[in-house]
C-alpha atoms as a PDB file:
ATOM      1  CA  MET A   1      19.509 -29.706  15.470  1.00  0.00           C
ATOM      2  CA  GLN A   2      18.260 -26.233  14.656  1.00  0.00           C
ATOM      3  CA  HIS A   3      18.547 -24.962  11.122  1.00  0.00           C
ATOM      4  CA  ARG A   4      18.951 -21.316  10.385  1.00  0.00           C
ATOM      5  CA  ALA A   5      17.106 -19.818   7.457  1.00  0.00           C
ATOM      6  CA  SER A   6      19.364 -19.087   4.549  1.00  0.00           C
ATOM      7  CA  PHE A   7      19.010 -15.606   3.108  1.00  0.00           C
ATOM      8  CA  SER A   8      20.787 -16.533  -0.096  1.00  0.00           C
ATOM      9  CA  MET A   9      17.555 -16.143  -2.072  1.00  0.00           C
ATOM     10  CA  VAL A  10      15.330 -13.270  -1.055  1.00  0.00           C
ATOM     11  CA  SER A  11      12.596 -11.861  -3.245  1.00  0.00           C
ATOM     12  CA  LEU A  12       9.645  -9.561  -2.708  1.00  0.00           C
ATOM     13  CA  SER A  13       6.573 -11.636  -3.332  1.00  0.00           C
ATOM     14  CA  MET A  14       2.886 -12.127  -2.751  1.00  0.00           C
ATOM     15  CA  PRO A  15       2.290 -15.339  -0.800  1.00  0.00           C
ATOM     16  CA  SER A  16      -1.253 -16.437  -1.426  1.00  0.00           C
ATOM     17  CA  GLN A  17      -2.286 -16.797   2.205  1.00  0.00           C
ATOM     18  CA  GLU A  18      -0.662 -13.766   3.816  1.00  0.00           C
ATOM     19  CA  PRO A  19      -2.636 -10.630   4.738  1.00  0.00           C
ATOM     20  CA  LEU A  20       0.133  -8.219   3.835  1.00  0.00           C
ATOM     21  CA  ALA A  21       0.497  -6.485   0.508  1.00  0.00           C
ATOM     22  CA  VAL A  22       4.166  -7.417   0.349  1.00  0.00           C
ATOM     23  CA  SER A  23       6.043 -10.233   1.972  1.00  0.00           C
ATOM     24  CA  VAL A  24       9.326 -11.999   1.457  1.00  0.00           C
ATOM     25  CA  ARG A  25      10.297 -15.505   0.520  1.00  0.00           C
ATOM     26  CA  ILE A  26      13.406 -16.881   2.142  1.00  0.00           C
ATOM     27  CA  SER A  27      15.054 -20.148   1.255  1.00  0.00           C
ATOM     28  CA  ALA A  28      15.416 -22.414   4.249  1.00  0.00           C
ATOM     29  CA  ARG A  29      16.963 -25.760   3.338  1.00  0.00           C
ATOM     30  CA  GLY A  30      15.595 -25.394  -0.185  1.00  0.00           C
ATOM     31  CA  LYS A  31      12.064 -24.414   0.833  1.00  0.00           C
ATOM     32  CA  ALA A  32      10.489 -21.014   0.218  1.00  0.00           C
ATOM     33  CA  THR A  33       8.602 -19.582   3.167  1.00  0.00           C
ATOM     34  CA  SER A  34       6.926 -16.348   4.213  1.00  0.00           C
ATOM     35  CA  CYS A  35       8.510 -13.764   6.475  1.00  0.00           C
ATOM     36  CA  TRP A  36       5.669 -14.500   8.929  1.00  0.00           C
ATOM     37  CA  THR A  37       7.046 -18.005   9.437  1.00  0.00           C
ATOM     38  CA  LEU A  38      10.616 -16.979  10.240  1.00  0.00           C
ATOM     39  CA  PRO A  39      12.018 -18.864  13.266  1.00  0.00           C
ATOM     40  CA  LEU A  40      11.860 -15.760  15.457  1.00  0.00           C
ATOM     41  CA  PRO A  41       9.873 -14.808  18.567  1.00  0.00           C
ATOM     42  CA  MET A  42       6.693 -12.843  17.922  1.00  0.00           C
ATOM     43  CA  ILE A  43       8.009  -9.319  18.531  1.00  0.00           C
ATOM     44  CA  PRO A  44      11.285  -9.676  16.552  1.00  0.00           C
ATOM     45  CA  ARG A  45       9.312 -11.377  13.769  1.00  0.00           C
ATOM     46  CA  TYR A  46       6.835  -8.510  13.613  1.00  0.00           C
ATOM     47  CA  LEU A  47       9.682  -5.992  13.610  1.00  0.00           C
ATOM     48  CA  ARG A  48      11.236  -7.888  10.708  1.00  0.00           C
ATOM     49  CA  VAL A  49       7.932  -7.698   8.846  1.00  0.00           C
ATOM     50  CA  LEU A  50       7.807  -3.933   9.478  1.00  0.00           C
ATOM     51  CA  GLU A  51      11.336  -3.647   8.131  1.00  0.00           C
ATOM     52  CA  ILE A  52      10.367  -5.545   4.978  1.00  0.00           C
ATOM     53  CA  MET A  53       7.255  -3.420   4.504  1.00  0.00           C
ATOM     54  CA  TYR A  54       9.295  -0.238   4.945  1.00  0.00           C
ATOM     55  CA  LEU A  55      11.862  -1.292   2.346  1.00  0.00           C
ATOM     56  CA  ALA A  56       9.181  -2.567  -0.044  1.00  0.00           C
ATOM     57  CA  THR A  57       7.314   0.758   0.138  1.00  0.00           C
ATOM     58  CA  TRP A  58      10.461   2.689  -0.726  1.00  0.00           C
ATOM     59  CA  LEU A  59      11.179   0.214  -3.540  1.00  0.00           C
ATOM     60  CA  ALA A  60       7.722   0.819  -5.012  1.00  0.00           C
ATOM     61  CA  TYR A  61       8.105   4.581  -4.584  1.00  0.00           C
ATOM     62  CA  PHE A  62      11.451   4.805  -6.381  1.00  0.00           C
ATOM     63  CA  ALA A  63      10.424   2.343  -9.101  1.00  0.00           C
ATOM     64  CA  MET A  64       7.335   4.377  -9.980  1.00  0.00           C
ATOM     65  CA  GLN A  65       9.258   7.647  -9.783  1.00  0.00           C
ATOM     66  CA  TRP A  66      11.947   6.300 -12.090  1.00  0.00           C
ATOM     67  CA  GLY A  67       9.442   5.039 -14.655  1.00  0.00           C
ATOM     68  CA  TYR A  68       7.374   8.227 -14.545  1.00  0.00           C
ATOM     69  CA  HIS A  69      10.322  10.605 -14.916  1.00  0.00           C
ATOM     70  CA  SER A  70      11.965   8.492 -17.611  1.00  0.00           C
ATOM     71  CA  LEU A  71       8.783   8.534 -19.670  1.00  0.00           C
ATOM     72  CA  SER A  72       8.257  12.251 -19.084  1.00  0.00           C
ATOM     73  CA  MET A  73      11.787  13.077 -20.276  1.00  0.00           C
ATOM     74  CA  VAL A  74      11.211  11.182 -23.505  1.00  0.00           C
ATOM     75  CA  LEU A  75       7.817  12.732 -24.236  1.00  0.00           C
ATOM     76  CA  VAL A  76       8.840  16.267 -23.303  1.00  0.00           C
ATOM     77  CA  SER A  77      12.210  16.300 -25.075  1.00  0.00           C
ATOM     78  CA  ILE A  78      11.341  14.289 -28.198  1.00  0.00           C
ATOM     79  CA  PHE A  79       7.583  14.579 -28.632  1.00  0.00           C
ATOM     80  CA  ARG A  80       7.491  18.173 -27.409  1.00  0.00           C
ATOM     81  CA  GLN A  81       4.863  17.747 -24.727  1.00  0.00           C
ATOM     82  CA  HIS A  82       4.666  20.595 -22.239  1.00  0.00           C
ATOM     83  CA  SER A  83       6.187  19.941 -18.821  1.00  0.00           C
ATOM     84  CA  SER A  84       2.898  20.999 -17.196  1.00  0.00           C
ATOM     85  CA  GLN A  85       1.420  17.774 -18.578  1.00  0.00           C
ATOM     86  CA  TRP A  86       3.683  15.889 -16.204  1.00  0.00           C
ATOM     87  CA  PRO A  87       3.009  17.177 -12.685  1.00  0.00           C
ATOM     88  CA  PRO A  88       4.835  15.567  -9.748  1.00  0.00           C
ATOM     89  CA  LEU A  89       3.706  11.997  -9.212  1.00  0.00           C
ATOM     90  CA  PHE A  90       3.999  12.108  -5.409  1.00  0.00           C
ATOM     91  CA  ASP A  91       3.746  14.860  -2.813  1.00  0.00           C
ATOM     92  CA  LYS A  92       6.175  13.788  -0.074  1.00  0.00           C
ATOM     93  CA  PRO A  93       4.079  10.871   1.232  1.00  0.00           C
ATOM     94  CA  TRP A  94       6.402  10.430   4.218  1.00  0.00           C
ATOM     95  CA  LEU A  95       4.959  13.663   5.666  1.00  0.00           C
ATOM     96  CA  SER A  96       1.417  12.262   5.814  1.00  0.00           C
ATOM     97  CA  THR A  97      -0.300  12.499   9.176  1.00  0.00           C
ATOM     98  CA  SER A  98      -3.500  10.645   8.281  1.00  0.00           C
ATOM     99  CA  LEU A  99      -4.622   7.887   5.965  1.00  0.00           C
ATOM    100  CA  SER A 100      -6.970  10.321   4.236  1.00  0.00           C
ATOM    101  CA  GLU A 101      -4.027  12.577   3.492  1.00  0.00           C
ATOM    102  CA  ILE A 102      -1.665   9.966   2.109  1.00  0.00           C
ATOM    103  CA  TRP A 103      -4.231   8.202  -0.100  1.00  0.00           C
ATOM    104  CA  GLY A 104      -6.177  11.310  -1.066  1.00  0.00           C
ATOM    105  CA  ARG A 105      -3.289  13.600  -1.944  1.00  0.00           C
ATOM    106  CA  ARG A 106       0.275  12.557  -1.233  1.00  0.00           C
ATOM    107  CA  TRP A 107       0.463   9.106  -2.857  1.00  0.00           C
ATOM    108  CA  HIS A 108       0.190   8.890  -6.629  1.00  0.00           C
ATOM    109  CA  GLN A 109      -3.313   9.369  -8.048  1.00  0.00           C
ATOM    110  CA  MET A 110      -2.833   7.618 -11.395  1.00  0.00           C
ATOM    111  CA  LEU A 111      -5.521   5.016 -10.735  1.00  0.00           C
ATOM    112  CA  ARG A 112      -7.883   7.146  -8.667  1.00  0.00           C
ATOM    113  CA  PHE A 113     -10.436   7.567 -11.467  1.00  0.00           C
ATOM    114  CA  THR A 114     -10.383   3.836 -12.237  1.00  0.00           C
ATOM    115  CA  PHE A 115     -10.856   2.745  -8.634  1.00  0.00           C
ATOM    116  CA  THR A 116     -13.571   5.285  -7.844  1.00  0.00           C
ATOM    117  CA  SER A 117     -15.433   4.598 -11.103  1.00  0.00           C
ATOM    118  CA  CYS A 118     -15.345   0.808 -10.829  1.00  0.00           C
ATOM    119  CA  GLY A 119     -15.758   0.467  -7.075  1.00  0.00           C
ATOM    120  CA  GLY A 120     -16.351   3.730  -5.283  1.00  0.00           C
ATOM    121  CA  ILE A 121     -19.335   5.067  -7.240  1.00  0.00           C
ATOM    122  CA  PRO A 122     -21.296   1.767  -7.436  1.00  0.00           C
ATOM    123  CA  PHE A 123     -20.748   1.018  -3.735  1.00  0.00           C
ATOM    124  CA  ALA A 124     -21.614   4.594  -2.777  1.00  0.00           C
ATOM    125  CA  TYR A 125     -24.883   4.234  -4.684  1.00  0.00           C
ATOM    126  CA  LEU A 126     -25.701   1.063  -2.737  1.00  0.00           C
ATOM    127  CA  PHE A 127     -24.281   1.821   0.710  1.00  0.00           C
ATOM    128  CA  GLY A 128     -23.659   5.554   0.897  1.00  0.00           C
ATOM    129  CA  ARG A 129     -20.368   7.378   1.408  1.00  0.00           C
ATOM    130  CA  PRO A 130     -18.789   4.701   3.662  1.00  0.00           C
ATOM    131  CA  GLY A 131     -19.561   2.143   0.991  1.00  0.00           C
ATOM    132  CA  GLY A 132     -17.928   4.358  -1.604  1.00  0.00           C
ATOM    133  CA  ILE A 133     -14.708   4.529   0.413  1.00  0.00           C
ATOM    134  CA  LEU A 134     -14.602   0.789   1.037  1.00  0.00           C
ATOM    135  CA  GLY A 135     -15.564   0.058  -2.566  1.00  0.00           C
ATOM    136  CA  THR A 136     -12.666   2.158  -3.822  1.00  0.00           C
ATOM    137  CA  PHE A 137     -10.138   0.347  -1.644  1.00  0.00           C
ATOM    138  CA  LEU A 138     -11.688  -3.032  -2.432  1.00  0.00           C
ATOM    139  CA  THR A 139     -11.218  -2.326  -6.144  1.00  0.00           C
ATOM    140  CA  SER A 140      -7.601  -1.448  -5.391  1.00  0.00           C
ATOM    141  CA  ASP A 141      -7.283  -4.816  -3.633  1.00  0.00           C
ATOM    142  CA  ILE A 142      -8.618  -6.697  -6.638  1.00  0.00           C
ATOM    143  CA  PHE A 143      -6.407  -4.737  -9.046  1.00  0.00           C
ATOM    144  CA  HIS A 144      -3.244  -5.473  -7.054  1.00  0.00           C
ATOM    145  CA  ALA A 145      -4.203  -9.136  -6.649  1.00  0.00           C
ATOM    146  CA  ILE A 146      -4.521  -9.479 -10.431  1.00  0.00           C
ATOM    147  CA  GLU A 147      -1.310  -7.522 -10.945  1.00  0.00           C
ATOM    148  CA  PHE A 148       0.759  -9.730  -8.649  1.00  0.00           C
ATOM    149  CA  HIS A 149      -0.843 -12.903  -9.965  1.00  0.00           C
ATOM    150  CA  ALA A 150       0.084 -11.851 -13.506  1.00  0.00           C
ATOM    151  CA  VAL A 151       3.766 -11.604 -12.614  1.00  0.00           C
ATOM    152  CA  GLY A 152       3.762 -14.870 -10.683  1.00  0.00           C
ATOM    153  CA  ARG A 153       3.871 -13.411  -7.166  1.00  0.00           C
ATOM    154  CA  GLY A 154       0.710 -14.907  -5.749  1.00  0.00           C
ATOM    155  CA  GLY A 155      -2.455 -12.936  -6.195  1.00  0.00           C
ATOM    156  CA  THR A 156      -5.495 -13.798  -4.093  1.00  0.00           C
ATOM    157  CA  ALA A 157      -7.624 -10.946  -2.812  1.00  0.00           C
ATOM    158  CA  MET A 158      -6.796 -11.980   0.761  1.00  0.00           C
ATOM    159  CA  ALA A 159      -3.107 -11.501   0.003  1.00  0.00           C
ATOM    160  CA  VAL A 160      -3.556  -7.761  -0.450  1.00  0.00           C
ATOM    161  CA  MET A 161      -6.326  -7.023   2.056  1.00  0.00           C
ATOM    162  CA  GLY A 162      -4.087  -4.310   3.480  1.00  0.00           C
ATOM    163  CA  PHE A 163      -5.511  -1.911   0.899  1.00  0.00           C
ATOM    164  CA  PHE A 164      -9.077  -2.628   2.021  1.00  0.00           C
ATOM    165  CA  MET A 165      -8.063  -2.265   5.663  1.00  0.00           C
ATOM    166  CA  ASN A 166      -6.731   1.198   4.866  1.00  0.00           C
ATOM    167  CA  GLY A 167     -10.274   2.030   3.775  1.00  0.00           C
ATOM    168  CA  VAL A 168     -11.451   0.886   7.206  1.00  0.00           C
ATOM    169  CA  GLY A 169      -8.823   3.177   8.702  1.00  0.00           C
ATOM    170  CA  VAL A 170     -10.131   6.139   6.709  1.00  0.00           C
ATOM    171  CA  LEU A 171     -13.635   5.461   8.045  1.00  0.00           C
ATOM    172  CA  LEU A 172     -12.259   5.343  11.595  1.00  0.00           C
ATOM    173  CA  GLU A 173     -10.641   8.739  11.028  1.00  0.00           C
ATOM    174  CA  ARG A 174     -13.974  10.138   9.862  1.00  0.00           C
ATOM    175  CA  ALA A 175     -15.744   8.622  12.856  1.00  0.00           C
ATOM    176  CA  TRP A 176     -13.166  10.195  15.165  1.00  0.00           C
ATOM    177  CA  SER A 177     -13.622  13.689  13.714  1.00  0.00           C
ATOM    178  CA  LYS A 178     -17.401  13.330  13.763  1.00  0.00           C
ATOM    179  CA  GLU A 179     -18.238  11.448  16.955  1.00  0.00           C
ATOM    180  CA  VAL A 180     -15.255  11.364  19.316  1.00  0.00           C
ATOM    181  CA  SER A 181     -13.645  14.736  18.707  1.00  0.00           C
ATOM    182  CA  PRO A 182     -16.043  16.836  16.577  1.00  0.00           C
ATOM    183  CA  GLY A 183     -14.277  19.193  14.238  1.00  0.00           C
ATOM    184  CA  HIS A 184     -10.824  17.738  14.914  1.00  0.00           C
ATOM    185  CA  ARG A 185      -9.208  15.569  12.263  1.00  0.00           C
ATOM    186  CA  VAL A 186      -6.588  12.923  12.859  1.00  0.00           C
ATOM    187  CA  ARG A 187      -3.350  14.802  12.363  1.00  0.00           C
ATOM    188  CA  GLY A 188      -0.102  15.861  14.027  1.00  0.00           C
ATOM    189  CA  MET A 189       3.485  15.223  13.019  1.00  0.00           C
ATOM    190  CA  ILE A 190       4.006  12.764  15.871  1.00  0.00           C
ATOM    191  CA  TRP A 191       0.798  10.918  16.725  1.00  0.00           C
ATOM    192  CA  GLY A 192      -0.765  11.409  13.302  1.00  0.00           C
ATOM    193  CA  TRP A 193       2.356  10.082  11.615  1.00  0.00           C
ATOM    194  CA  ILE A 194       2.537   7.094  13.968  1.00  0.00           C
ATOM    195  CA  TRP A 195      -1.165   6.357  13.378  1.00  0.00           C
ATOM    196  CA  THR A 196      -0.808   6.552   9.610  1.00  0.00           C
ATOM    197  CA  PHE A 197       2.208   4.325   9.104  1.00  0.00           C
ATOM    198  CA  SER A 198       1.363   1.890  11.894  1.00  0.00           C
ATOM    199  CA  TRP A 199      -1.991   1.283  10.210  1.00  0.00           C
ATOM    200  CA  MET A 200      -0.364   0.871   6.825  1.00  0.00           C
ATOM    201  CA  ALA A 201       2.076  -1.670   8.242  1.00  0.00           C
ATOM    202  CA  PHE A 202      -0.786  -3.522   9.910  1.00  0.00           C
END
């Protein structure tokens, strides 16, 4: 007799052995499982994972926007800070047409200095510019692993290797513009957009 997974308890989580930054736990006869183990064929299962990643990204976006704007309203209205001290946190990340664009400009840059200082600069010193890029994303991986572990949502480095893989994607974009199509960056509202968000989902 086949048992269908019960969606009565769904929570965004960080399973310790999954390669995605965000997954979902679903109760199936009292057992929590990953979205990768849903009783679905490969293609529908992958589409479900993409759906979860899409919703989780928007959840993170709105949560950070809400926190940022709430804090800015308090500090500007009560503590008389100037509004110029609170520039926009995001720059329409859904319009990104390359990984370099979304991570370098359109996504929030609150932790950029921390990641480049702790990972990017040391790795660049040892391995050059490619090492600096990978070191920055690796530091982001470690940070998010600790963050999720602290709130009880898993937290191994392998669980959030998606951040590091985005660094690999940035290097591939640079290789494309340098070796394959000199002078031409990865961009374009159709193919660039598909490249960017397909890689992020991967």
